[in-house]
Protein backbone atom coordinates (compact mmCIF):
# COMPACT_ATOMS: atom_id res chain seq x y z
CA UNK A 1 0.00 0.00 0.00
CA UNK A 2 1.06 3.57 -0.57
CA UNK A 3 -0.62 6.87 0.17
CA UNK A 4 -2.04 9.04 -2.61
CA UNK A 5 -3.44 12.55 -2.40
CA UNK A 6 -6.96 12.91 -3.81
CA UNK A 7 -6.49 16.11 -5.82
CA UNK A 8 -9.89 15.76 -7.50
CA UNK A 9 -11.70 15.80 -4.16
CA UNK A 10 -9.60 18.78 -3.06
CA UNK A 11 -10.47 20.71 -6.22
CA UNK A 12 -14.17 19.86 -6.11
CA UNK A 13 -14.54 20.68 -2.43
CA UNK A 14 -13.06 24.16 -2.82
CA UNK A 15 -14.05 25.03 -6.41
CA UNK A 16 -16.67 23.00 -8.26
CA UNK A 17 -15.16 23.72 -11.67
CA UNK A 18 -12.37 25.46 -13.57
CA UNK A 19 -14.39 28.67 -13.93
CA UNK A 20 -14.75 29.02 -10.16
CA UNK A 21 -11.05 28.37 -9.61
CA UNK A 22 -10.07 30.86 -12.30
CA UNK A 23 -12.29 33.54 -10.65
CA UNK A 24 -10.78 32.73 -7.25
CA UNK A 25 -7.25 33.18 -8.62
CA UNK A 26 -8.24 36.42 -10.35
CA UNK A 27 -9.34 37.88 -7.00
CA UNK A 28 -5.69 37.57 -5.96
CA UNK A 29 -4.40 39.09 -9.19
CA UNK A 30 -3.48 35.82 -10.88
CA UNK A 31 -4.88 36.20 -14.37
CA UNK A 32 -2.21 34.66 -16.58
CA UNK A 33 -3.24 31.03 -15.97
CA UNK A 34 -5.54 29.91 -18.78
CA UNK A 35 -8.82 28.18 -18.00
CA UNK A 36 -7.79 25.30 -20.30
CA UNK A 37 -4.80 24.63 -18.06
CA UNK A 38 -6.96 24.66 -14.95
CA UNK A 39 -9.52 22.41 -16.66
CA UNK A 40 -6.77 19.82 -17.25
CA UNK A 41 -6.18 19.66 -13.50
CA UNK A 42 -9.76 18.45 -13.10
CA UNK A 43 -9.43 15.98 -15.97
CA UNK A 44 -6.06 14.59 -14.88
CA UNK A 45 -7.01 14.69 -11.19
CA UNK A 46 -3.72 16.34 -10.28
CA UNK A 47 -2.29 19.81 -9.69
CA UNK A 48 1.30 20.84 -10.48
CA UNK A 49 3.25 21.11 -7.22
CA UNK A 50 4.01 24.82 -7.56
CA UNK A 51 0.34 25.65 -8.16
CA UNK A 52 -0.78 23.37 -5.33
CA UNK A 53 1.42 25.38 -2.94
CA UNK A 54 -0.06 28.63 -4.29
CA UNK A 55 -3.62 27.32 -3.85
CA UNK A 56 -2.92 26.26 -0.27
CA UNK A 57 -1.46 29.66 0.51
CA UNK A 58 -4.38 31.51 -1.02
CA UNK A 59 -6.90 29.33 0.79
CA UNK A 60 -5.09 30.12 4.04
CA UNK A 61 -5.37 33.84 3.28
CA UNK A 62 -9.04 33.41 2.37
CA UNK A 63 -9.96 31.44 5.50
CA UNK A 64 -7.55 33.08 7.93
CA UNK A 65 -6.02 29.76 8.95
CA UNK A 66 -4.20 26.85 7.31
CA UNK A 67 -6.35 24.41 5.35
CA UNK A 68 -6.24 20.82 6.55
CA UNK A 69 -5.28 18.43 3.77
CA UNK A 70 -4.98 15.18 5.75
CA UNK A 71 -8.52 14.19 4.79
CA UNK A 72 -7.49 13.98 1.14
CA UNK A 73 -4.96 11.21 1.74
CA UNK A 74 -6.04 7.78 0.53
CA UNK A 75 -4.44 4.36 0.77
CA UNK A 76 -4.05 2.75 -2.63
CA UNK A 77 -2.94 -0.80 -3.33
CA UNK A 78 0.45 -1.18 -5.04
PDB file of N, CA and C in Angstrom:
ATOM      1  N   UNK A   1       0.832  -1.180   0.000  1.00  0.00           N
ATOM      2  CA  UNK A   1       0.000   0.000   0.000  1.00  0.00           C
ATOM      3  C   UNK A   1       0.879   1.246   0.000  1.00  0.00           C
ATOM      4  N   UNK A   2       0.398   2.276  -0.652  1.00  0.00           N
ATOM      5  CA  UNK A   2       1.056   3.572  -0.573  1.00  0.00           C
ATOM      6  C   UNK A   2      -0.027   4.636  -0.496  1.00  0.00           C
ATOM      7  N   UNK A   3       0.353   5.799  -0.055  1.00  0.00           N
ATOM      8  CA  UNK A   3      -0.623   6.865   0.166  1.00  0.00           C
ATOM      9  C   UNK A   3      -0.643   7.796  -1.040  1.00  0.00           C
ATOM     10  N   UNK A   4      -1.834   8.117  -1.492  1.00  0.00           N
ATOM     11  CA  UNK A   4      -2.039   9.044  -2.609  1.00  0.00           C
ATOM     12  C   UNK A   4      -2.868  10.230  -2.111  1.00  0.00           C
ATOM     13  N   UNK A   5      -2.641  11.366  -2.707  1.00  0.00           N
ATOM     14  CA  UNK A   5      -3.440  12.549  -2.404  1.00  0.00           C
ATOM     15  C   UNK A   5      -4.570  12.639  -3.418  1.00  0.00           C
ATOM     16  N   UNK A   6      -5.790  12.839  -2.941  1.00  0.00           N
ATOM     17  CA  UNK A   6      -6.959  12.914  -3.811  1.00  0.00           C
ATOM     18  C   UNK A   6      -7.164  14.370  -4.258  1.00  0.00           C
ATOM     19  N   UNK A   7      -6.422  14.740  -5.317  1.00  0.00           N
ATOM     20  CA  UNK A   7      -6.494  16.108  -5.819  1.00  0.00           C
ATOM     21  C   UNK A   7      -7.887  16.452  -6.344  1.00  0.00           C
ATOM     22  N   UNK A   8      -8.552  15.485  -6.947  1.00  0.00           N
ATOM     23  CA  UNK A   8      -9.886  15.764  -7.497  1.00  0.00           C
ATOM     24  C   UNK A   8     -10.842  16.181  -6.382  1.00  0.00           C
ATOM     25  N   UNK A   9     -10.830  15.450  -5.282  1.00  0.00           N
ATOM     26  CA  UNK A   9     -11.699  15.797  -4.156  1.00  0.00           C
ATOM     27  C   UNK A   9     -11.343  17.172  -3.605  1.00  0.00           C
ATOM     28  N   UNK A  10     -10.044  17.477  -3.523  1.00  0.00           N
ATOM     29  CA  UNK A  10      -9.597  18.784  -3.056  1.00  0.00           C
ATOM     30  C   UNK A  10     -10.145  19.890  -3.960  1.00  0.00           C
ATOM     31  N   UNK A  11      -9.979  19.716  -5.268  1.00  0.00           N
ATOM     32  CA  UNK A  11     -10.474  20.711  -6.215  1.00  0.00           C
ATOM     33  C   UNK A  11     -11.983  20.886  -6.108  1.00  0.00           C
ATOM     34  N   UNK A  12     -12.708  19.779  -6.119  1.00  0.00           N
ATOM     35  CA  UNK A  12     -14.174  19.858  -6.115  1.00  0.00           C
ATOM     36  C   UNK A  12     -14.730  20.410  -4.810  1.00  0.00           C
ATOM     37  N   UNK A  13     -14.049  20.157  -3.709  1.00  0.00           N
ATOM     38  CA  UNK A  13     -14.536  20.679  -2.434  1.00  0.00           C
ATOM     39  C   UNK A  13     -14.385  22.201  -2.350  1.00  0.00           C
ATOM     40  N   UNK A  14     -13.320  22.721  -2.931  1.00  0.00           N
ATOM     41  CA  UNK A  14     -13.064  24.156  -2.823  1.00  0.00           C
ATOM     42  C   UNK A  14     -13.586  24.955  -4.016  1.00  0.00           C
ATOM     43  N   UNK A  15     -13.573  24.361  -5.197  1.00  0.00           N
ATOM     44  CA  UNK A  15     -14.046  25.031  -6.414  1.00  0.00           C
ATOM     45  C   UNK A  15     -14.679  23.960  -7.288  1.00  0.00           C
ATOM     46  N   UNK A  16     -15.957  24.054  -7.532  1.00  0.00           N
ATOM     47  CA  UNK A  16     -16.672  22.997  -8.261  1.00  0.00           C
ATOM     48  C   UNK A  16     -16.188  22.803  -9.692  1.00  0.00           C
ATOM     49  N   UNK A  17     -15.598  23.838 -10.275  1.00  0.00           N
ATOM     50  CA  UNK A  17     -15.162  23.718 -11.674  1.00  0.00           C
ATOM     51  C   UNK A  17     -14.039  24.715 -11.963  1.00  0.00           C
ATOM     52  N   UNK A  18     -13.496  24.610 -13.171  1.00  0.00           N
ATOM     53  CA  UNK A  18     -12.367  25.460 -13.572  1.00  0.00           C
ATOM     54  C   UNK A  18     -12.733  26.939 -13.577  1.00  0.00           C
ATOM     55  N   UNK A  19     -13.962  27.265 -13.932  1.00  0.00           N
ATOM     56  CA  UNK A  19     -14.392  28.666 -13.929  1.00  0.00           C
ATOM     57  C   UNK A  19     -14.306  29.268 -12.527  1.00  0.00           C
ATOM     58  N   UNK A  20     -14.787  28.522 -11.542  1.00  0.00           N
ATOM     59  CA  UNK A  20     -14.754  29.022 -10.161  1.00  0.00           C
ATOM     60  C   UNK A  20     -13.315  29.210  -9.686  1.00  0.00           C
ATOM     61  N   UNK A  21     -12.441  28.268 -10.019  1.00  0.00           N
ATOM     62  CA  UNK A  21     -11.053  28.374  -9.607  1.00  0.00           C
ATOM     63  C   UNK A  21     -10.369  29.540 -10.309  1.00  0.00           C
ATOM     64  N   UNK A  22     -10.658  29.738 -11.577  1.00  0.00           N
ATOM     65  CA  UNK A  22     -10.074  30.865 -12.302  1.00  0.00           C
ATOM     66  C   UNK A  22     -10.521  32.194 -11.690  1.00  0.00           C
ATOM     67  N   UNK A  23     -11.797  32.310 -11.308  1.00  0.00           N
ATOM     68  CA  UNK A  23     -12.293  33.535 -10.655  1.00  0.00           C
ATOM     69  C   UNK A  23     -11.621  33.744  -9.295  1.00  0.00           C
ATOM     70  N   UNK A  24     -11.449  32.651  -8.555  1.00  0.00           N
ATOM     71  CA  UNK A  24     -10.775  32.726  -7.251  1.00  0.00           C
ATOM     72  C   UNK A  24      -9.359  33.259  -7.427  1.00  0.00           C
ATOM     73  N   UNK A  25      -8.615  32.722  -8.378  1.00  0.00           N
ATOM     74  CA  UNK A  25      -7.247  33.176  -8.622  1.00  0.00           C
ATOM     75  C   UNK A  25      -7.226  34.643  -9.046  1.00  0.00           C
ATOM     76  N   UNK A  26      -8.182  35.036  -9.864  1.00  0.00           N
ATOM     77  CA  UNK A  26      -8.243  36.421 -10.347  1.00  0.00           C
ATOM     78  C   UNK A  26      -8.444  37.401  -9.195  1.00  0.00           C
ATOM     79  N   UNK A  27      -9.147  36.987  -8.142  1.00  0.00           N
ATOM     80  CA  UNK A  27      -9.344  37.879  -6.995  1.00  0.00           C
ATOM     81  C   UNK A  27      -8.023  38.194  -6.295  1.00  0.00           C
ATOM     82  N   UNK A  28      -7.022  37.342  -6.519  1.00  0.00           N
ATOM     83  CA  UNK A  28      -5.692  37.571  -5.955  1.00  0.00           C
ATOM     84  C   UNK A  28      -4.710  38.051  -7.020  1.00  0.00           C
ATOM     85  N   UNK A  29      -5.236  38.503  -8.152  1.00  0.00           N
ATOM     86  CA  UNK A  29      -4.399  39.087  -9.189  1.00  0.00           C
ATOM     87  C   UNK A  29      -3.717  38.099 -10.112  1.00  0.00           C
ATOM     88  N   UNK A  30      -4.080  36.839 -10.009  1.00  0.00           N
ATOM     89  CA  UNK A  30      -3.480  35.818 -10.877  1.00  0.00           C
ATOM     90  C   UNK A  30      -4.399  35.625 -12.074  1.00  0.00           C
ATOM     91  N   UNK A  31      -4.024  36.237 -13.178  1.00  0.00           N
ATOM     92  CA  UNK A  31      -4.885  36.205 -14.368  1.00  0.00           C
ATOM     93  C   UNK A  31      -4.195  35.580 -15.574  1.00  0.00           C
ATOM     94  N   UNK A  32      -2.940  35.188 -15.430  1.00  0.00           N
ATOM     95  CA  UNK A  32      -2.207  34.659 -16.576  1.00  0.00           C
ATOM     96  C   UNK A  32      -2.364  33.154 -16.764  1.00  0.00           C
ATOM     97  N   UNK A  33      -3.015  32.467 -15.844  1.00  0.00           N
ATOM     98  CA  UNK A  33      -3.242  31.027 -15.969  1.00  0.00           C
ATOM     99  C   UNK A  33      -4.521  30.794 -16.774  1.00  0.00           C
ATOM    100  N   UNK A  34      -4.392  30.119 -17.888  1.00  0.00           N
ATOM    101  CA  UNK A  34      -5.540  29.908 -18.776  1.00  0.00           C
ATOM    102  C   UNK A  34      -6.512  28.883 -18.197  1.00  0.00           C
ATOM    103  N   UNK A  35      -7.793  29.093 -18.489  1.00  0.00           N
ATOM    104  CA  UNK A  35      -8.818  28.177 -18.000  1.00  0.00           C
ATOM    105  C   UNK A  35      -8.581  26.763 -18.524  1.00  0.00           C
ATOM    106  N   UNK A  36      -8.069  26.635 -19.752  1.00  0.00           N
ATOM    107  CA  UNK A  36      -7.791  25.302 -20.301  1.00  0.00           C
ATOM    108  C   UNK A  36      -6.777  24.546 -19.441  1.00  0.00           C
ATOM    109  N   UNK A  37      -5.788  25.261 -18.931  1.00  0.00           N
ATOM    110  CA  UNK A  37      -4.798  24.627 -18.058  1.00  0.00           C
ATOM    111  C   UNK A  37      -5.441  24.161 -16.765  1.00  0.00           C
ATOM    112  N   UNK A  38      -6.263  25.017 -16.193  1.00  0.00           N
ATOM    113  CA  UNK A  38      -6.961  24.657 -14.954  1.00  0.00           C
ATOM    114  C   UNK A  38      -7.897  23.480 -15.203  1.00  0.00           C
ATOM    115  N   UNK A  39      -8.594  23.486 -16.318  1.00  0.00           N
ATOM    116  CA  UNK A  39      -9.521  22.406 -16.665  1.00  0.00           C
ATOM    117  C   UNK A  39      -8.790  21.061 -16.705  1.00  0.00           C
ATOM    118  N   UNK A  40      -7.556  21.065 -17.188  1.00  0.00           N
ATOM    119  CA  UNK A  40      -6.769  19.824 -17.250  1.00  0.00           C
ATOM    120  C   UNK A  40      -6.488  19.268 -15.862  1.00  0.00           C
ATOM    121  N   UNK A  41      -6.382  20.156 -14.863  1.00  0.00           N
ATOM    122  CA  UNK A  41      -6.179  19.662 -13.504  1.00  0.00           C
ATOM    123  C   UNK A  41      -7.365  18.789 -13.083  1.00  0.00           C
ATOM    124  N   UNK A  42      -8.557  19.223 -13.434  1.00  0.00           N
ATOM    125  CA  UNK A  42      -9.763  18.452 -13.096  1.00  0.00           C
ATOM    126  C   UNK A  42      -9.796  17.148 -13.877  1.00  0.00           C
ATOM    127  N   UNK A  43      -9.427  17.190 -15.144  1.00  0.00           N
ATOM    128  CA  UNK A  43      -9.431  15.981 -15.965  1.00  0.00           C
ATOM    129  C   UNK A  43      -8.377  14.976 -15.519  1.00  0.00           C
ATOM    130  N   UNK A  44      -7.188  15.473 -15.244  1.00  0.00           N
ATOM    131  CA  UNK A  44      -6.061  14.593 -14.878  1.00  0.00           C
ATOM    132  C   UNK A  44      -6.058  14.229 -13.396  1.00  0.00           C
ATOM    133  N   UNK A  45      -6.902  14.912 -12.631  1.00  0.00           N
ATOM    134  CA  UNK A  45      -7.009  14.690 -11.192  1.00  0.00           C
ATOM    135  C   UNK A  45      -5.666  14.910 -10.493  1.00  0.00           C
ATOM    136  N   UNK A  46      -4.978  15.964 -10.901  1.00  0.00           N
ATOM    137  CA  UNK A  46      -3.716  16.337 -10.284  1.00  0.00           C
ATOM    138  C   UNK A  46      -3.491  17.835 -10.470  1.00  0.00           C
ATOM    139  N   UNK A  47      -2.646  18.389  -9.630  1.00  0.00           N
ATOM    140  CA  UNK A  47      -2.292  19.808  -9.690  1.00  0.00           C
ATOM    141  C   UNK A  47      -0.768  19.887  -9.669  1.00  0.00           C
ATOM    142  N   UNK A  48      -0.156  20.671 -10.556  1.00  0.00           N
ATOM    143  CA  UNK A  48       1.298  20.835 -10.480  1.00  0.00           C
ATOM    144  C   UNK A  48       1.705  21.329  -9.090  1.00  0.00           C
ATOM    145  N   UNK A  49       2.828  20.834  -8.595  1.00  0.00           N
ATOM    146  CA  UNK A  49       3.250  21.114  -7.216  1.00  0.00           C
ATOM    147  C   UNK A  49       3.340  22.603  -6.906  1.00  0.00           C
ATOM    148  N   UNK A  50       3.874  23.389  -7.843  1.00  0.00           N
ATOM    149  CA  UNK A  50       4.010  24.817  -7.563  1.00  0.00           C
ATOM    150  C   UNK A  50       2.644  25.488  -7.440  1.00  0.00           C
ATOM    151  N   UNK A  51       1.694  25.083  -8.248  1.00  0.00           N
ATOM    152  CA  UNK A  51       0.344  25.649  -8.156  1.00  0.00           C
ATOM    153  C   UNK A  51      -0.404  25.142  -6.930  1.00  0.00           C
ATOM    154  N   UNK A  52      -0.143  23.911  -6.539  1.00  0.00           N
ATOM    155  CA  UNK A  52      -0.778  23.374  -5.333  1.00  0.00           C
ATOM    156  C   UNK A  52      -0.353  24.210  -4.121  1.00  0.00           C
ATOM    157  N   UNK A  53       0.931  24.538  -4.045  1.00  0.00           N
ATOM    158  CA  UNK A  53       1.415  25.376  -2.944  1.00  0.00           C
ATOM    159  C   UNK A  53       0.755  26.755  -2.974  1.00  0.00           C
ATOM    160  N   UNK A  54       0.607  27.321  -4.158  1.00  0.00           N
ATOM    161  CA  UNK A  54      -0.060  28.631  -4.295  1.00  0.00           C
ATOM    162  C   UNK A  54      -1.511  28.528  -3.825  1.00  0.00           C
ATOM    163  N   UNK A  55      -2.217  27.486  -4.251  1.00  0.00           N
ATOM    164  CA  UNK A  55      -3.623  27.320  -3.849  1.00  0.00           C
ATOM    165  C   UNK A  55      -3.752  27.187  -2.338  1.00  0.00           C
ATOM    166  N   UNK A  56      -2.869  26.404  -1.730  1.00  0.00           N
ATOM    167  CA  UNK A  56      -2.922  26.258  -0.271  1.00  0.00           C
ATOM    168  C   UNK A  56      -2.683  27.586   0.424  1.00  0.00           C
ATOM    169  N   UNK A  57      -1.730  28.343  -0.076  1.00  0.00           N
ATOM    170  CA  UNK A  57      -1.456  29.657   0.515  1.00  0.00           C
ATOM    171  C   UNK A  57      -2.622  30.610   0.370  1.00  0.00           C
ATOM    172  N   UNK A  58      -3.233  30.621  -0.808  1.00  0.00           N
ATOM    173  CA  UNK A  58      -4.377  31.513  -1.024  1.00  0.00           C
ATOM    174  C   UNK A  58      -5.588  31.095  -0.189  1.00  0.00           C
ATOM    175  N   UNK A  59      -5.800  29.798  -0.061  1.00  0.00           N
ATOM    176  CA  UNK A  59      -6.901  29.335   0.795  1.00  0.00           C
ATOM    177  C   UNK A  59      -6.667  29.741   2.246  1.00  0.00           C
ATOM    178  N   UNK A  60      -5.413  29.684   2.679  1.00  0.00           N
ATOM    179  CA  UNK A  60      -5.092  30.120   4.039  1.00  0.00           C
ATOM    180  C   UNK A  60      -5.396  31.606   4.209  1.00  0.00           C
ATOM    181  N   UNK A  61      -5.033  32.409   3.224  1.00  0.00           N
ATOM    182  CA  UNK A  61      -5.373  33.837   3.276  1.00  0.00           C
ATOM    183  C   UNK A  61      -6.883  34.039   3.308  1.00  0.00           C
ATOM    184  N   UNK A  62      -7.581  33.291   2.488  1.00  0.00           N
ATOM    185  CA  UNK A  62      -9.036  33.409   2.372  1.00  0.00           C
ATOM    186  C   UNK A  62      -9.740  33.041   3.679  1.00  0.00           C
ATOM    187  N   UNK A  63      -9.284  31.958   4.305  1.00  0.00           N
ATOM    188  CA  UNK A  63      -9.964  31.440   5.497  1.00  0.00           C
ATOM    189  C   UNK A  63      -9.376  31.971   6.805  1.00  0.00           C
ATOM    190  N   UNK A  64      -8.178  32.564   6.726  1.00  0.00           N
ATOM    191  CA  UNK A  64      -7.553  33.084   7.931  1.00  0.00           C
ATOM    192  C   UNK A  64      -6.858  32.036   8.773  1.00  0.00           C
ATOM    193  N   UNK A  65      -6.724  30.836   8.250  1.00  0.00           N
ATOM    194  CA  UNK A  65      -6.017  29.757   8.946  1.00  0.00           C
ATOM    195  C   UNK A  65      -5.613  28.705   7.910  1.00  0.00           C
ATOM    196  N   UNK A  66      -4.616  27.886   8.252  1.00  0.00           N
ATOM    197  CA  UNK A  66      -4.199  26.846   7.311  1.00  0.00           C
ATOM    198  C   UNK A  66      -5.345  25.871   7.001  1.00  0.00           C
ATOM    199  N   UNK A  67      -5.343  25.371   5.785  1.00  0.00           N
ATOM    200  CA  UNK A  67      -6.352  24.412   5.351  1.00  0.00           C
ATOM    201  C   UNK A  67      -5.833  23.003   5.624  1.00  0.00           C
ATOM    202  N   UNK A  68      -6.636  22.196   6.277  1.00  0.00           N
ATOM    203  CA  UNK A  68      -6.241  20.819   6.546  1.00  0.00           C
ATOM    204  C   UNK A  68      -6.323  20.008   5.254  1.00  0.00           C
ATOM    205  N   UNK A  69      -5.269  19.256   4.983  1.00  0.00           N
ATOM    206  CA  UNK A  69      -5.283  18.430   3.773  1.00  0.00           C
ATOM    207  C   UNK A  69      -5.202  16.936   4.084  1.00  0.00           C
ATOM    208  N   UNK A  70      -5.113  16.588   5.364  1.00  0.00           N
ATOM    209  CA  UNK A  70      -4.981  15.184   5.753  1.00  0.00           C
ATOM    210  C   UNK A  70      -6.170  14.346   5.263  1.00  0.00           C
ATOM    211  N   UNK A  71      -7.333  14.935   5.213  1.00  0.00           N
ATOM    212  CA  UNK A  71      -8.521  14.190   4.792  1.00  0.00           C
ATOM    213  C   UNK A  71      -8.507  13.784   3.328  1.00  0.00           C
ATOM    214  N   UNK A  72      -7.573  14.313   2.560  1.00  0.00           N
ATOM    215  CA  UNK A  72      -7.487  13.979   1.143  1.00  0.00           C
ATOM    216  C   UNK A  72      -6.490  12.862   0.870  1.00  0.00           C
ATOM    217  N   UNK A  73      -5.892  12.310   1.917  1.00  0.00           N
ATOM    218  CA  UNK A  73      -4.959  11.212   1.740  1.00  0.00           C
ATOM    219  C   UNK A  73      -5.716   9.892   1.693  1.00  0.00           C
ATOM    220  N   UNK A  74      -5.381   9.086   0.707  1.00  0.00           N
ATOM    221  CA  UNK A  74      -6.037   7.783   0.526  1.00  0.00           C
ATOM    222  C   UNK A  74      -4.995   6.687   0.410  1.00  0.00           C
ATOM    223  N   UNK A  75      -5.277   5.538   0.987  1.00  0.00           N
ATOM    224  CA  UNK A  75      -4.435   4.363   0.771  1.00  0.00           C
ATOM    225  C   UNK A  75      -4.808   3.734  -0.563  1.00  0.00           C
ATOM    226  N   UNK A  76      -3.814   3.410  -1.336  1.00  0.00           N
ATOM    227  CA  UNK A  76      -4.045   2.754  -2.633  1.00  0.00           C
ATOM    228  C   UNK A  76      -3.200   1.487  -2.668  1.00  0.00           C
ATOM    229  N   UNK A  77      -3.745   0.412  -3.200  1.00  0.00           N
ATOM    230  CA  UNK A  77      -2.939  -0.797  -3.332  1.00  0.00           C
ATOM    231  C   UNK A  77      -1.817  -0.611  -4.342  1.00  0.00           C
ATOM    232  N   UNK A  78      -0.697  -1.265  -4.119  1.00  0.00           N
ATOM    233  CA  UNK A  78       0.453  -1.181  -5.040  1.00  0.00           C
ATOM    234  C   UNK A  78       0.221  -2.098  -6.218  1.00  0.00           C
TER     235      UNK A  78
END
